[in-house]
């Protein structure tokens, strides 16, 4: 298992973690070619720091980081399309999904908007290239108590929404799993503002909801 945090590490059963890179980040994704991408933003979000543009880096085989994209408006979830040619990232504060072509050396080119008008956080992609992402029409985003607590949509490149799932609580991440990768797993929790995040985490009130997915994950 590959994880990120203070560093990028490989974990295997019954052995100590192996550090691949001394610099970690927020989210991580691995392309079929073996490229490891990490993103982050160098400010204290939970502590109320002023936002600064984020970045995407590739982890070289020797552990060095090479930045391959910048000016990311609060980077969050990342996915690679099933054919391995495109990386898509959540720009949470920009309310959009942004796509890049993956070059032969792992560099990212051809920056473009995949979909906008969303509230993306942790995302996932299915075998047909549909991306599940959070919406911006929820109570937390709009301040409207009549709006849904959370919602995720399946969106195609260009912004077409094919499916929508509402949740009682805000949804922070999603994944495709279960038998045959045919279940959509939604990680939901309370949200009362950034200044209350530590208190909410201490309450351990998060829950995972499971619904059937219209398209399975790539096998």
N, C-alpha and C. Protein backbone atom coordinates (compact mmCIF):
# COMPACT_ATOMS: atom_id res chain seq x y z
N UNK A 1 0.84 -1.18 0.00
CA UNK A 1 0.00 0.00 0.00
C UNK A 1 0.88 1.24 0.00
N UNK A 2 0.54 2.20 -0.86
CA UNK A 2 1.28 3.45 -0.97
C UNK A 2 0.49 4.55 -0.27
N UNK A 3 1.13 5.30 0.62
CA UNK A 3 0.44 6.35 1.36
C UNK A 3 1.23 7.66 1.28
N UNK A 4 0.51 8.76 1.52
CA UNK A 4 1.17 10.05 1.62
C UNK A 4 0.71 10.75 2.89
N UNK A 5 1.52 11.67 3.33
CA UNK A 5 1.32 12.44 4.56
C UNK A 5 2.58 13.28 4.71
N UNK A 6 3.31 13.15 5.81
CA UNK A 6 4.61 13.85 5.90
C UNK A 6 5.59 13.37 4.84
N UNK A 7 5.43 12.09 4.40
CA UNK A 7 6.28 11.55 3.34
C UNK A 7 5.45 10.63 2.47
N UNK A 8 6.08 10.04 1.45
CA UNK A 8 5.44 9.03 0.61
C UNK A 8 6.08 7.69 0.95
N UNK A 9 5.26 6.74 1.44
CA UNK A 9 5.80 5.49 1.95
C UNK A 9 5.07 4.30 1.34
N UNK A 10 5.80 3.18 1.25
CA UNK A 10 5.23 1.91 0.82
C UNK A 10 5.10 1.02 2.05
N UNK A 11 3.90 0.45 2.24
CA UNK A 11 3.63 -0.41 3.38
C UNK A 11 3.33 -1.82 2.89
N UNK A 12 4.00 -2.80 3.47
CA UNK A 12 3.73 -4.21 3.17
C UNK A 12 3.54 -4.93 4.50
N UNK A 13 2.78 -6.04 4.51
CA UNK A 13 2.53 -6.75 5.77
C UNK A 13 3.82 -7.22 6.45
N UNK A 14 3.83 -7.11 7.76
CA UNK A 14 4.92 -7.64 8.59
C UNK A 14 6.28 -7.03 8.27
N UNK A 15 6.28 -5.76 7.87
CA UNK A 15 7.55 -5.08 7.59
C UNK A 15 7.39 -3.60 7.87
N UNK A 16 8.50 -2.95 8.17
CA UNK A 16 8.48 -1.51 8.40
C UNK A 16 8.23 -0.78 7.08
N UNK A 17 7.56 0.38 7.12
CA UNK A 17 7.32 1.14 5.89
C UNK A 17 8.63 1.54 5.22
N UNK A 18 8.61 1.59 3.91
CA UNK A 18 9.75 2.06 3.12
C UNK A 18 9.42 3.44 2.58
N UNK A 19 10.23 4.44 2.91
CA UNK A 19 9.99 5.81 2.47
C UNK A 19 10.46 5.96 1.03
N UNK A 20 9.54 6.33 0.14
CA UNK A 20 9.88 6.57 -1.26
C UNK A 20 10.33 8.01 -1.48
N UNK A 21 9.76 8.93 -0.71
CA UNK A 21 10.14 10.33 -0.83
C UNK A 21 9.93 11.01 0.52
N UNK A 22 10.85 11.89 0.88
CA UNK A 22 10.77 12.57 2.16
C UNK A 22 9.75 13.69 2.19
N UNK A 23 9.20 14.02 1.04
CA UNK A 23 8.18 15.07 0.99
C UNK A 23 6.86 14.47 0.54
N UNK A 24 5.85 14.57 1.41
CA UNK A 24 4.54 14.06 1.07
C UNK A 24 3.62 15.17 0.62
N UNK A 25 2.32 14.95 0.79
CA UNK A 25 1.35 15.94 0.35
C UNK A 25 -0.04 15.59 0.83
N UNK A 26 -1.02 16.00 0.08
CA UNK A 26 -2.42 15.82 0.47
C UNK A 26 -3.02 14.56 -0.14
N UNK A 27 -2.93 14.42 -1.45
CA UNK A 27 -3.52 13.28 -2.16
C UNK A 27 -2.46 12.63 -3.04
N UNK A 28 -2.72 11.37 -3.38
CA UNK A 28 -1.74 10.60 -4.15
C UNK A 28 -2.49 9.72 -5.15
N UNK A 29 -1.89 9.51 -6.32
CA UNK A 29 -2.45 8.60 -7.31
C UNK A 29 -1.30 8.02 -8.12
N UNK A 30 -1.49 6.78 -8.58
CA UNK A 30 -0.45 6.09 -9.35
C UNK A 30 -0.99 5.79 -10.74
N UNK A 31 -0.26 6.20 -11.76
CA UNK A 31 -0.66 5.94 -13.14
C UNK A 31 -0.26 4.52 -13.54
N UNK A 32 -0.92 3.95 -14.56
CA UNK A 32 -0.56 2.59 -15.01
C UNK A 32 0.91 2.45 -15.40
N UNK A 33 1.52 3.56 -15.84
CA UNK A 33 2.93 3.53 -16.22
C UNK A 33 3.85 3.44 -15.01
N UNK A 34 3.27 3.54 -13.80
CA UNK A 34 4.07 3.50 -12.58
C UNK A 34 4.40 4.86 -12.00
N UNK A 35 3.99 5.93 -12.67
CA UNK A 35 4.26 7.27 -12.16
C UNK A 35 3.44 7.52 -10.89
N UNK A 36 4.10 8.08 -9.88
CA UNK A 36 3.43 8.44 -8.62
C UNK A 36 3.25 9.95 -8.61
N UNK A 37 2.00 10.39 -8.49
CA UNK A 37 1.71 11.82 -8.43
C UNK A 37 1.21 12.17 -7.03
N UNK A 38 1.72 13.28 -6.48
CA UNK A 38 1.32 13.78 -5.17
C UNK A 38 0.94 15.25 -5.34
N UNK A 39 -0.10 15.68 -4.62
CA UNK A 39 -0.43 17.10 -4.68
C UNK A 39 -0.45 17.70 -3.28
N UNK A 40 -0.45 19.00 -3.23
CA UNK A 40 -0.50 19.68 -1.94
C UNK A 40 -0.55 21.18 -2.13
N UNK A 41 -0.70 21.89 -1.02
CA UNK A 41 -0.66 23.35 -0.98
C UNK A 41 0.04 23.76 0.30
N UNK A 42 0.96 24.68 0.20
CA UNK A 42 1.83 25.00 1.33
C UNK A 42 1.26 26.10 2.22
N UNK A 43 0.11 25.80 2.85
CA UNK A 43 -0.44 26.70 3.86
C UNK A 43 -1.23 25.86 4.86
N UNK A 44 -1.47 26.44 6.03
CA UNK A 44 -2.14 25.73 7.12
C UNK A 44 -3.64 25.92 6.99
N UNK A 45 -4.29 25.00 6.28
CA UNK A 45 -5.73 25.11 6.04
C UNK A 45 -6.52 25.04 7.34
N UNK A 46 -6.29 24.01 8.14
CA UNK A 46 -7.04 23.84 9.39
C UNK A 46 -6.75 24.98 10.35
N UNK A 47 -5.53 25.51 10.32
CA UNK A 47 -5.17 26.60 11.23
C UNK A 47 -5.61 27.97 10.77
N UNK A 48 -6.31 28.03 9.63
CA UNK A 48 -6.83 29.31 9.15
C UNK A 48 -5.86 30.12 8.32
N UNK A 49 -4.82 29.48 7.79
CA UNK A 49 -3.85 30.20 6.97
C UNK A 49 -4.45 30.69 5.67
N UNK A 50 -3.88 31.76 5.13
CA UNK A 50 -4.35 32.31 3.86
C UNK A 50 -4.02 31.34 2.73
N UNK A 51 -4.98 31.02 1.87
CA UNK A 51 -4.72 30.06 0.78
C UNK A 51 -3.64 30.55 -0.18
N UNK A 52 -2.84 29.62 -0.64
CA UNK A 52 -1.85 29.87 -1.68
C UNK A 52 -2.04 28.81 -2.76
N UNK A 53 -1.62 29.10 -4.00
CA UNK A 53 -1.80 28.11 -5.07
C UNK A 53 -1.09 26.80 -4.75
N UNK A 54 -1.71 25.70 -5.13
CA UNK A 54 -1.16 24.38 -4.88
C UNK A 54 -0.39 23.84 -6.07
N UNK A 55 0.05 22.60 -5.94
CA UNK A 55 0.95 22.00 -6.92
C UNK A 55 0.67 20.51 -7.08
N UNK A 56 1.17 19.95 -8.17
CA UNK A 56 1.24 18.50 -8.37
C UNK A 56 2.69 18.17 -8.67
N UNK A 57 3.22 17.17 -7.99
CA UNK A 57 4.59 16.72 -8.22
C UNK A 57 4.59 15.25 -8.59
N UNK A 58 5.60 14.85 -9.31
CA UNK A 58 5.82 13.43 -9.62
C UNK A 58 6.99 12.96 -8.77
N UNK A 59 6.88 11.77 -8.21
CA UNK A 59 7.96 11.19 -7.42
C UNK A 59 8.85 10.38 -8.35
N UNK A 60 10.09 10.81 -8.47
CA UNK A 60 11.05 10.11 -9.34
C UNK A 60 11.48 8.79 -8.68
N UNK A 61 12.03 7.87 -9.46
CA UNK A 61 12.47 6.59 -8.89
C UNK A 61 13.46 6.72 -7.73
N UNK A 62 14.26 7.80 -7.73
CA UNK A 62 15.23 7.98 -6.66
C UNK A 62 14.65 8.74 -5.47
N UNK A 63 13.33 9.03 -5.51
CA UNK A 63 12.68 9.69 -4.39
C UNK A 63 12.56 11.19 -4.51
N UNK A 64 13.20 11.78 -5.52
CA UNK A 64 13.11 13.22 -5.69
C UNK A 64 11.74 13.60 -6.23
N UNK A 65 11.29 14.81 -5.87
CA UNK A 65 10.05 15.37 -6.40
C UNK A 65 10.37 16.28 -7.58
N UNK A 66 9.54 16.21 -8.60
CA UNK A 66 9.63 17.16 -9.72
C UNK A 66 8.23 17.73 -9.93
N UNK A 67 8.10 19.05 -9.78
CA UNK A 67 6.78 19.66 -9.94
C UNK A 67 6.37 19.60 -11.41
N UNK A 68 5.14 19.14 -11.64
CA UNK A 68 4.65 19.01 -13.02
C UNK A 68 3.43 19.88 -13.28
N UNK A 69 2.89 20.52 -12.25
CA UNK A 69 1.79 21.48 -12.43
C UNK A 69 1.72 22.38 -11.21
N UNK A 70 1.29 23.61 -11.44
CA UNK A 70 1.14 24.57 -10.35
C UNK A 70 -0.15 25.36 -10.51
N UNK A 71 -0.30 26.37 -9.68
CA UNK A 71 -1.48 27.24 -9.71
C UNK A 71 -2.76 26.42 -9.59
N UNK A 72 -2.75 25.42 -8.69
CA UNK A 72 -3.92 24.59 -8.44
C UNK A 72 -4.71 25.22 -7.30
N UNK A 73 -6.02 25.46 -7.52
CA UNK A 73 -6.84 26.16 -6.56
C UNK A 73 -7.37 25.19 -5.50
N UNK A 74 -6.54 24.92 -4.51
CA UNK A 74 -6.74 23.95 -3.42
C UNK A 74 -6.87 22.54 -3.98
N UNK A 75 -5.73 21.87 -4.19
CA UNK A 75 -5.75 20.52 -4.76
C UNK A 75 -6.30 19.49 -3.80
N UNK A 76 -7.13 18.60 -4.34
CA UNK A 76 -7.68 17.51 -3.54
C UNK A 76 -7.60 16.23 -4.35
N UNK A 77 -8.70 15.49 -4.44
CA UNK A 77 -8.66 14.17 -5.07
C UNK A 77 -8.10 14.17 -6.49
N UNK A 78 -7.42 13.07 -6.84
CA UNK A 78 -6.89 12.88 -8.19
C UNK A 78 -7.25 11.49 -8.70
N UNK A 79 -7.48 11.39 -10.00
CA UNK A 79 -7.70 10.09 -10.64
C UNK A 79 -6.96 10.06 -11.97
N UNK A 80 -6.72 8.86 -12.46
CA UNK A 80 -6.16 8.64 -13.78
C UNK A 80 -7.22 7.94 -14.63
N UNK A 81 -7.42 8.39 -15.85
CA UNK A 81 -8.41 7.75 -16.70
C UNK A 81 -7.99 6.31 -17.00
N UNK A 82 -8.97 5.42 -17.28
CA UNK A 82 -8.66 4.00 -17.48
C UNK A 82 -7.60 3.72 -18.54
N UNK A 83 -7.49 4.58 -19.55
CA UNK A 83 -6.48 4.35 -20.58
C UNK A 83 -5.10 4.87 -20.19
N UNK A 84 -4.99 5.48 -19.01
CA UNK A 84 -3.70 5.93 -18.51
C UNK A 84 -3.16 7.20 -19.14
N UNK A 85 -3.98 7.92 -19.91
CA UNK A 85 -3.47 9.07 -20.65
C UNK A 85 -3.76 10.42 -20.00
N UNK A 86 -4.66 10.44 -19.02
CA UNK A 86 -5.13 11.71 -18.47
C UNK A 86 -5.20 11.66 -16.96
N UNK A 87 -4.70 12.70 -16.31
CA UNK A 87 -4.85 12.90 -14.87
C UNK A 87 -5.89 13.99 -14.65
N UNK A 88 -6.83 13.74 -13.73
CA UNK A 88 -7.85 14.73 -13.38
C UNK A 88 -7.74 15.01 -11.89
N UNK A 89 -7.76 16.30 -11.53
CA UNK A 89 -7.62 16.72 -10.14
C UNK A 89 -8.79 17.61 -9.72
N UNK A 90 -9.19 17.48 -8.45
CA UNK A 90 -10.18 18.39 -7.86
C UNK A 90 -9.49 19.70 -7.50
N UNK A 91 -10.01 20.80 -8.00
CA UNK A 91 -9.62 22.13 -7.51
C UNK A 91 -10.79 22.59 -6.63
N UNK A 92 -10.69 22.27 -5.36
CA UNK A 92 -11.84 22.42 -4.47
C UNK A 92 -12.31 23.87 -4.34
N UNK A 93 -11.38 24.79 -4.16
CA UNK A 93 -11.78 26.19 -4.01
C UNK A 93 -12.18 26.81 -5.34
N UNK A 94 -11.81 26.19 -6.45
CA UNK A 94 -12.21 26.66 -7.77
C UNK A 94 -13.51 26.04 -8.23
N UNK A 95 -13.99 25.00 -7.51
CA UNK A 95 -15.24 24.37 -7.87
C UNK A 95 -15.20 23.63 -9.19
N UNK A 96 -14.06 23.04 -9.52
CA UNK A 96 -13.93 22.40 -10.83
C UNK A 96 -13.03 21.18 -10.77
N UNK A 97 -13.16 20.36 -11.81
CA UNK A 97 -12.23 19.27 -12.09
C UNK A 97 -11.36 19.71 -13.26
N UNK A 98 -10.05 19.56 -13.11
CA UNK A 98 -9.11 19.99 -14.13
C UNK A 98 -8.33 18.79 -14.64
N UNK A 99 -8.19 18.70 -15.96
CA UNK A 99 -7.54 17.55 -16.59
C UNK A 99 -6.20 17.94 -17.20
N UNK A 100 -5.28 16.97 -17.23
CA UNK A 100 -3.97 17.12 -17.86
C UNK A 100 -3.68 15.85 -18.67
N UNK A 101 -3.01 16.02 -19.80
CA UNK A 101 -2.47 14.87 -20.53
C UNK A 101 -1.19 14.42 -19.86
N UNK A 102 -0.97 13.11 -19.79
CA UNK A 102 0.25 12.56 -19.21
C UNK A 102 1.25 12.27 -20.33
N UNK A 103 2.38 12.95 -20.31
CA UNK A 103 3.42 12.77 -21.34
C UNK A 103 4.22 11.50 -21.05
N UNK A 104 5.04 11.11 -22.02
CA UNK A 104 5.83 9.87 -21.89
C UNK A 104 6.75 9.90 -20.68
N UNK A 105 7.24 11.10 -20.29
CA UNK A 105 8.15 11.18 -19.14
C UNK A 105 7.41 11.50 -17.84
N UNK A 106 6.07 11.46 -17.88
CA UNK A 106 5.28 11.74 -16.70
C UNK A 106 4.88 13.19 -16.52
N UNK A 107 5.42 14.08 -17.37
CA UNK A 107 5.05 15.49 -17.29
C UNK A 107 3.56 15.65 -17.61
N UNK A 108 2.96 16.73 -17.13
CA UNK A 108 1.56 17.01 -17.38
C UNK A 108 1.42 18.19 -18.33
N UNK A 109 0.65 18.00 -19.40
CA UNK A 109 0.46 19.03 -20.41
C UNK A 109 -1.03 19.14 -20.74
N UNK A 110 -1.37 20.06 -21.62
CA UNK A 110 -2.73 20.18 -22.12
C UNK A 110 -3.76 20.46 -21.05
N UNK A 111 -3.45 21.36 -20.14
CA UNK A 111 -4.37 21.66 -19.03
C UNK A 111 -5.71 22.16 -19.57
N UNK A 112 -6.81 21.65 -19.01
CA UNK A 112 -8.14 22.03 -19.46
C UNK A 112 -9.15 21.72 -18.35
N UNK A 113 -10.33 22.32 -18.45
CA UNK A 113 -11.41 22.06 -17.50
C UNK A 113 -12.16 20.81 -17.93
N UNK A 114 -12.26 19.85 -17.01
CA UNK A 114 -13.06 18.64 -17.25
C UNK A 114 -14.54 18.93 -16.97
N UNK A 115 -14.81 19.57 -15.82
CA UNK A 115 -16.16 19.96 -15.43
C UNK A 115 -16.05 21.05 -14.39
N UNK A 116 -17.04 21.95 -14.33
CA UNK A 116 -17.02 23.02 -13.34
C UNK A 116 -18.40 23.20 -12.72
N UNK A 117 -18.48 24.12 -11.75
CA UNK A 117 -19.73 24.30 -11.03
C UNK A 117 -19.98 23.21 -10.00
N UNK A 118 -18.88 22.60 -9.52
CA UNK A 118 -18.97 21.50 -8.55
C UNK A 118 -18.39 21.94 -7.21
N UNK A 119 -18.33 20.98 -6.27
CA UNK A 119 -17.67 21.20 -4.98
C UNK A 119 -16.77 20.02 -4.70
N UNK A 120 -15.83 19.71 -5.60
CA UNK A 120 -15.10 18.43 -5.54
C UNK A 120 -14.12 18.34 -4.38
N UNK A 121 -14.03 17.13 -3.82
CA UNK A 121 -13.07 16.83 -2.77
C UNK A 121 -12.39 15.52 -3.18
N UNK A 122 -12.58 14.44 -2.41
CA UNK A 122 -12.05 13.15 -2.83
C UNK A 122 -12.94 12.56 -3.92
N UNK A 123 -12.37 12.12 -5.02
CA UNK A 123 -13.13 11.68 -6.18
C UNK A 123 -12.72 10.27 -6.59
N UNK A 124 -13.49 9.67 -7.50
CA UNK A 124 -13.12 8.37 -8.06
C UNK A 124 -13.61 8.30 -9.50
N UNK A 125 -13.09 7.33 -10.25
CA UNK A 125 -13.42 7.21 -11.67
C UNK A 125 -13.80 5.77 -11.97
N UNK A 126 -14.75 5.59 -12.90
CA UNK A 126 -15.19 4.24 -13.23
C UNK A 126 -14.60 3.77 -14.56
N UNK A 127 -14.97 2.56 -14.96
CA UNK A 127 -14.36 1.94 -16.13
C UNK A 127 -14.68 2.67 -17.43
N UNK A 128 -15.76 3.45 -17.44
CA UNK A 128 -16.12 4.20 -18.64
C UNK A 128 -15.62 5.63 -18.61
N UNK A 129 -14.84 5.98 -17.58
CA UNK A 129 -14.29 7.33 -17.50
C UNK A 129 -15.21 8.34 -16.84
N UNK A 130 -16.31 7.88 -16.23
CA UNK A 130 -17.16 8.81 -15.48
C UNK A 130 -16.56 9.06 -14.10
N UNK A 131 -16.53 10.31 -13.69
CA UNK A 131 -15.94 10.68 -12.40
C UNK A 131 -17.06 11.01 -11.40
N UNK A 132 -16.96 10.41 -10.22
CA UNK A 132 -17.86 10.75 -9.12
C UNK A 132 -17.22 11.87 -8.30
N UNK A 133 -17.96 12.97 -8.13
CA UNK A 133 -17.45 14.14 -7.41
C UNK A 133 -18.58 14.81 -6.64
N UNK A 134 -18.22 15.58 -5.63
CA UNK A 134 -19.19 16.26 -4.80
C UNK A 134 -19.72 17.51 -5.52
N UNK A 135 -20.93 17.95 -5.15
CA UNK A 135 -21.56 19.10 -5.78
C UNK A 135 -21.44 20.35 -4.91
N UNK A 136 -21.83 21.50 -5.48
CA UNK A 136 -21.76 22.77 -4.75
C UNK A 136 -23.14 23.29 -4.40
N UNK A 137 -24.19 22.48 -4.61
CA UNK A 137 -25.55 22.94 -4.31
C UNK A 137 -26.05 22.40 -2.98
N UNK A 138 -25.14 22.12 -2.06
CA UNK A 138 -25.48 21.55 -0.75
C UNK A 138 -25.62 22.65 0.29
N UNK A 139 -26.12 22.26 1.47
CA UNK A 139 -26.34 23.24 2.54
C UNK A 139 -25.04 23.91 2.97
N UNK A 140 -23.96 23.13 3.05
CA UNK A 140 -22.68 23.70 3.50
C UNK A 140 -22.15 24.74 2.51
N UNK A 141 -22.39 24.53 1.22
CA UNK A 141 -21.88 25.47 0.21
C UNK A 141 -22.78 26.68 0.04
N UNK A 142 -24.09 26.46 0.09
CA UNK A 142 -25.03 27.54 -0.23
C UNK A 142 -25.56 28.28 1.00
N UNK A 143 -25.48 27.63 2.17
CA UNK A 143 -26.08 28.21 3.37
C UNK A 143 -27.58 28.04 3.43
N UNK A 144 -28.14 27.30 2.49
CA UNK A 144 -29.58 27.07 2.43
C UNK A 144 -29.92 25.81 3.23
N UNK A 145 -30.62 25.94 4.36
CA UNK A 145 -30.93 24.75 5.17
C UNK A 145 -31.84 23.75 4.45
N UNK A 146 -32.51 24.19 3.39
CA UNK A 146 -33.37 23.28 2.64
C UNK A 146 -32.61 22.47 1.61
N UNK A 147 -31.36 22.83 1.37
CA UNK A 147 -30.54 22.09 0.40
C UNK A 147 -30.09 20.77 1.01
N UNK A 148 -29.73 19.80 0.18
CA UNK A 148 -29.27 18.52 0.73
C UNK A 148 -28.00 18.68 1.55
N UNK A 149 -27.83 17.81 2.55
CA UNK A 149 -26.61 17.86 3.35
C UNK A 149 -25.38 17.58 2.52
N UNK A 150 -25.51 16.64 1.61
CA UNK A 150 -24.40 16.29 0.72
C UNK A 150 -24.95 15.70 -0.57
N UNK A 151 -24.12 15.69 -1.58
CA UNK A 151 -24.52 15.09 -2.86
C UNK A 151 -23.27 14.79 -3.68
N UNK A 152 -23.32 13.68 -4.39
CA UNK A 152 -22.27 13.32 -5.34
C UNK A 152 -22.91 13.07 -6.69
N UNK A 153 -22.19 13.44 -7.73
CA UNK A 153 -22.68 13.21 -9.09
C UNK A 153 -21.62 12.48 -9.90
N UNK A 154 -22.10 11.76 -10.89
CA UNK A 154 -21.21 11.15 -11.89
C UNK A 154 -21.17 12.09 -13.08
N UNK A 155 -19.99 12.61 -13.39
CA UNK A 155 -19.87 13.63 -14.42
C UNK A 155 -18.86 13.19 -15.48
N UNK A 156 -19.20 13.47 -16.73
CA UNK A 156 -18.34 13.14 -17.87
C UNK A 156 -17.53 14.36 -18.28
N UNK A 157 -16.47 14.14 -19.06
CA UNK A 157 -15.68 15.27 -19.54
C UNK A 157 -16.56 16.20 -20.35
N UNK A 158 -16.51 17.49 -20.01
CA UNK A 158 -17.39 18.46 -20.63
C UNK A 158 -18.51 18.91 -19.72
N UNK A 159 -18.74 18.15 -18.62
CA UNK A 159 -19.68 18.59 -17.60
C UNK A 159 -21.02 17.89 -17.58
N UNK A 160 -21.25 16.93 -18.48
CA UNK A 160 -22.54 16.22 -18.47
C UNK A 160 -22.66 15.36 -17.21
N UNK A 161 -23.76 15.55 -16.47
CA UNK A 161 -24.03 14.76 -15.27
C UNK A 161 -25.00 13.64 -15.62
N UNK A 162 -24.61 12.42 -15.31
CA UNK A 162 -25.43 11.26 -15.67
C UNK A 162 -26.19 10.68 -14.48
N UNK A 163 -25.64 10.83 -13.26
CA UNK A 163 -26.27 10.26 -12.07
C UNK A 163 -26.00 11.17 -10.88
N UNK A 164 -26.88 11.08 -9.87
CA UNK A 164 -26.75 11.91 -8.67
C UNK A 164 -27.19 11.11 -7.45
N UNK A 165 -26.44 11.22 -6.37
CA UNK A 165 -26.76 10.57 -5.10
C UNK A 165 -26.74 11.63 -4.00
N UNK A 166 -27.85 11.76 -3.26
CA UNK A 166 -27.91 12.70 -2.14
C UNK A 166 -27.59 11.99 -0.84
N UNK A 167 -26.97 12.71 0.09
CA UNK A 167 -26.65 12.16 1.40
C UNK A 167 -27.11 13.12 2.50
N UNK A 168 -27.38 12.57 3.67
CA UNK A 168 -27.85 13.39 4.78
C UNK A 168 -26.76 14.32 5.28
N UNK A 169 -25.52 13.81 5.33
CA UNK A 169 -24.37 14.60 5.78
C UNK A 169 -23.50 14.96 4.58
N UNK A 170 -22.66 16.00 4.71
CA UNK A 170 -21.73 16.32 3.63
C UNK A 170 -20.84 15.13 3.28
N UNK A 171 -20.56 14.98 2.01
CA UNK A 171 -19.70 13.90 1.53
C UNK A 171 -18.31 14.47 1.22
N UNK A 172 -17.29 13.83 1.77
CA UNK A 172 -15.93 14.33 1.62
C UNK A 172 -15.07 13.49 0.68
N UNK A 173 -15.47 12.26 0.45
CA UNK A 173 -14.68 11.42 -0.45
C UNK A 173 -15.55 10.26 -0.92
N UNK A 174 -15.12 9.64 -2.01
CA UNK A 174 -15.87 8.50 -2.54
C UNK A 174 -14.90 7.54 -3.23
N UNK A 175 -15.35 6.29 -3.35
CA UNK A 175 -14.53 5.27 -3.99
C UNK A 175 -15.46 4.20 -4.54
N UNK A 176 -14.99 3.49 -5.55
CA UNK A 176 -15.72 2.35 -6.09
C UNK A 176 -15.08 1.08 -5.55
N UNK A 177 -15.89 0.17 -5.00
CA UNK A 177 -15.35 -1.05 -4.42
C UNK A 177 -16.41 -2.12 -4.35
N UNK A 178 -16.24 -3.04 -3.42
CA UNK A 178 -17.18 -4.14 -3.30
C UNK A 178 -16.97 -5.17 -4.39
N UNK A 179 -17.87 -6.14 -4.45
CA UNK A 179 -17.77 -7.21 -5.44
C UNK A 179 -17.81 -6.64 -6.86
N UNK A 180 -16.75 -6.88 -7.61
CA UNK A 180 -16.69 -6.40 -8.98
C UNK A 180 -16.56 -4.91 -9.12
N UNK A 181 -16.29 -4.21 -8.01
CA UNK A 181 -16.16 -2.76 -8.06
C UNK A 181 -17.46 -2.05 -8.41
N UNK A 182 -18.59 -2.67 -8.05
CA UNK A 182 -19.90 -2.15 -8.45
C UNK A 182 -20.62 -1.40 -7.34
N UNK A 183 -19.94 -1.06 -6.27
CA UNK A 183 -20.56 -0.29 -5.20
C UNK A 183 -19.83 1.04 -5.04
N UNK A 184 -20.61 2.10 -4.86
CA UNK A 184 -20.06 3.43 -4.62
C UNK A 184 -20.04 3.66 -3.11
N UNK A 185 -18.85 3.89 -2.57
CA UNK A 185 -18.66 4.11 -1.13
C UNK A 185 -18.51 5.60 -0.90
N UNK A 186 -19.34 6.15 -0.03
CA UNK A 186 -19.38 7.59 0.22
C UNK A 186 -18.99 7.87 1.66
N UNK A 187 -17.89 8.61 1.86
CA UNK A 187 -17.43 8.97 3.19
C UNK A 187 -18.07 10.30 3.58
N UNK A 188 -18.91 10.27 4.62
CA UNK A 188 -19.68 11.46 5.02
C UNK A 188 -19.41 11.81 6.48
N UNK A 189 -19.55 13.09 6.78
CA UNK A 189 -19.34 13.54 8.16
C UNK A 189 -20.00 14.90 8.35
N UNK A 190 -20.06 15.33 9.60
CA UNK A 190 -20.55 16.67 9.91
C UNK A 190 -19.59 17.71 9.34
N UNK A 191 -20.09 18.93 9.14
CA UNK A 191 -19.21 20.04 8.79
C UNK A 191 -19.84 21.33 9.29
N UNK A 192 -19.12 22.00 10.20
CA UNK A 192 -19.61 23.26 10.74
C UNK A 192 -18.66 24.41 10.47
N UNK A 193 -17.72 24.20 9.55
CA UNK A 193 -16.71 25.21 9.25
C UNK A 193 -15.33 24.69 9.56
N UNK A 194 -14.34 25.31 8.92
CA UNK A 194 -12.95 24.88 9.08
C UNK A 194 -12.51 24.99 10.54
N UNK A 195 -13.02 26.01 11.24
CA UNK A 195 -12.59 26.22 12.63
C UNK A 195 -13.08 25.13 13.57
N UNK A 196 -14.01 24.26 13.12
CA UNK A 196 -14.52 23.19 13.96
C UNK A 196 -14.04 21.81 13.51
N UNK A 197 -13.15 21.75 12.55
CA UNK A 197 -12.75 20.47 11.99
C UNK A 197 -12.10 19.56 13.03
N UNK A 198 -11.24 20.10 13.87
CA UNK A 198 -10.56 19.28 14.87
C UNK A 198 -11.57 18.68 15.84
N UNK A 199 -12.56 19.48 16.27
CA UNK A 199 -13.59 18.98 17.18
C UNK A 199 -14.42 17.89 16.52
N UNK A 200 -14.78 18.09 15.26
CA UNK A 200 -15.58 17.09 14.54
C UNK A 200 -14.79 15.78 14.41
N UNK A 201 -13.53 15.87 14.06
CA UNK A 201 -12.71 14.67 13.93
C UNK A 201 -12.62 13.92 15.25
N UNK A 202 -12.54 14.66 16.35
CA UNK A 202 -12.43 14.02 17.67
C UNK A 202 -13.71 13.27 18.03
N UNK A 203 -14.84 13.69 17.49
CA UNK A 203 -16.11 13.00 17.79
C UNK A 203 -16.24 11.68 17.04
N UNK A 204 -15.41 11.48 16.01
CA UNK A 204 -15.43 10.24 15.23
C UNK A 204 -16.84 9.91 14.75
N UNK A 205 -17.48 10.92 14.16
CA UNK A 205 -18.87 10.79 13.72
C UNK A 205 -19.00 10.45 12.25
N UNK A 206 -17.89 10.23 11.56
CA UNK A 206 -17.95 9.92 10.13
C UNK A 206 -18.61 8.57 9.89
N UNK A 207 -19.18 8.41 8.73
CA UNK A 207 -19.80 7.14 8.35
C UNK A 207 -19.57 6.90 6.86
N UNK A 208 -19.60 5.65 6.47
CA UNK A 208 -19.47 5.28 5.06
C UNK A 208 -20.80 4.72 4.58
N UNK A 209 -21.35 5.35 3.54
CA UNK A 209 -22.60 4.90 2.94
C UNK A 209 -22.28 4.13 1.67
N UNK A 210 -23.11 3.15 1.35
CA UNK A 210 -22.87 2.30 0.19
C UNK A 210 -24.11 2.27 -0.70
N UNK A 211 -23.92 2.54 -1.99
CA UNK A 211 -25.00 2.44 -2.97
C UNK A 211 -24.47 1.71 -4.19
N UNK A 212 -25.38 1.14 -4.97
CA UNK A 212 -24.97 0.49 -6.21
C UNK A 212 -24.53 1.52 -7.24
N UNK A 213 -23.47 1.21 -7.95
CA UNK A 213 -22.95 2.12 -8.96
C UNK A 213 -23.43 1.69 -10.35
N UNK A 214 -23.73 2.64 -11.25
CA UNK A 214 -24.18 2.27 -12.59
C UNK A 214 -23.09 1.66 -13.46
N UNK A 215 -21.84 2.02 -13.17
CA UNK A 215 -20.68 1.51 -13.92
C UNK A 215 -19.62 1.11 -12.91
N UNK A 216 -19.03 -0.08 -13.02
CA UNK A 216 -18.01 -0.50 -12.05
C UNK A 216 -16.70 0.23 -12.27
N UNK A 217 -15.79 0.05 -11.31
CA UNK A 217 -14.45 0.58 -11.48
C UNK A 217 -13.70 -0.27 -12.50
N UNK A 218 -12.60 0.27 -13.01
CA UNK A 218 -11.75 -0.49 -13.91
C UNK A 218 -11.13 -1.67 -13.16
N UNK A 219 -11.18 -2.85 -13.74
CA UNK A 219 -10.66 -4.04 -13.05
C UNK A 219 -9.13 -4.08 -13.11
